[in-house]
Protein backbone atom coordinates (compact mmCIF):
# COMPACT_ATOMS: atom_id res chain seq x y z
CA MET A 1 -52.23 21.93 108.85
CA ARG A 2 -49.86 22.92 111.65
CA MET A 3 -49.50 19.19 112.30
CA LEU A 4 -47.84 18.33 108.87
CA PHE A 5 -45.70 21.27 109.19
CA VAL A 6 -44.22 19.94 113.00
CA ASP A 7 -43.57 16.51 111.42
CA GLU A 8 -41.83 18.52 108.34
CA GLU A 9 -39.72 20.31 110.56
CA TYR A 10 -38.68 17.03 112.63
CA PHE A 11 -37.89 15.09 109.68
CA TYR A 12 -35.26 17.92 108.39
CA ARG A 13 -34.08 18.38 111.83
CA GLU A 14 -33.62 14.47 112.71
CA PHE A 15 -32.53 12.98 109.00
CA PRO A 16 -30.79 15.78 107.64
CA SER A 17 -29.07 13.17 105.34
CA ALA A 18 -32.60 11.57 103.89
CA ALA A 19 -33.40 15.53 103.84
CA GLU A 20 -30.30 16.11 101.29
CA PHE A 21 -31.47 12.96 99.28
CA ILE A 22 -34.90 13.93 99.15
CA LEU A 23 -33.93 17.35 97.80
CA ALA A 24 -31.44 16.19 95.21
CA ALA A 25 -33.86 13.56 93.88
CA SER A 26 -36.63 16.06 93.68
CA LEU A 27 -33.87 18.47 91.36
CA ARG A 28 -32.90 15.71 89.66
CA LYS A 29 -36.70 14.93 88.63
CA GLU A 30 -37.23 18.10 88.03
CA LEU A 31 -34.37 19.00 85.46
CA TYR A 32 -35.67 15.28 83.91
CA GLY A 33 -38.73 16.32 83.21
CA LEU A 34 -38.26 19.49 81.80
CA LEU A 35 -35.68 17.85 79.22
CA ARG A 36 -38.61 15.89 78.04
CA ARG A 37 -40.49 18.39 76.96
CA SER A 38 -40.87 19.11 73.58
CA VAL A 39 -40.90 22.68 73.38
CA PRO A 40 -39.70 24.31 76.36
CA SER A 41 -40.56 27.87 77.38
CA GLU A 42 -38.34 30.56 77.95
CA SER A 43 -38.71 30.05 81.55
CA ASP A 44 -38.30 26.23 81.09
CA ARG A 45 -34.87 26.86 79.30
CA ASN A 46 -33.74 29.34 82.06
CA ARG A 47 -34.73 26.78 84.97
CA ILE A 48 -32.58 24.12 82.98
CA GLU A 49 -29.31 26.00 83.06
CA GLU A 50 -29.67 26.64 86.55
CA LEU A 51 -30.34 23.17 87.61
CA LYS A 52 -27.87 22.01 85.29
CA ARG A 53 -25.53 23.63 87.74
CA ALA A 54 -27.02 21.90 90.62
CA PRO A 55 -24.19 19.34 92.05
CA ALA A 56 -27.47 17.10 92.31
CA CYS A 57 -27.79 17.55 88.49
CA GLN A 58 -24.10 16.75 88.14
CA GLU A 59 -23.65 13.34 89.20
CA SER A 60 -22.33 10.98 86.40
CA TRP A 61 -24.54 8.20 86.57
CA PHE A 62 -27.45 10.85 86.39
CA ILE A 63 -25.67 12.72 83.13
CA ARG A 64 -25.09 9.16 81.82
CA LYS A 65 -28.83 7.82 82.27
CA LEU A 66 -29.54 11.39 80.45
CA GLU A 67 -27.11 10.78 77.70
CA ASP A 68 -29.12 7.20 76.73
CA GLU A 69 -32.07 8.63 76.58
CA LYS A 70 -30.60 11.61 74.02
CA LEU A 71 -31.37 14.14 76.93
CA ALA A 72 -27.72 15.26 77.12
CA LEU A 73 -26.85 18.51 79.02
C-alpha cells in the first residue's frame, strides 16, 4: 500500500497542474451529484453551499451545464 502513496506523492509533486485539474473535476463531480439528489440531507445542503463557493464550481461553462439540466445554483 505504501507504494501507492509514493506514486501519489510523486504525481502531485511532478504534475501540479494535472493534480489541480483532477481536484477541480472532483469538486464539480461532487457538486453535480449532490444537486441531482431528489431529497438532499442537511449535510448535503451544507456541502452544496461550500462547493458553490469553490472556484472550480464557479466556472461559467459548468454553471451553464447545470442550468441546461435545470440544476442551477
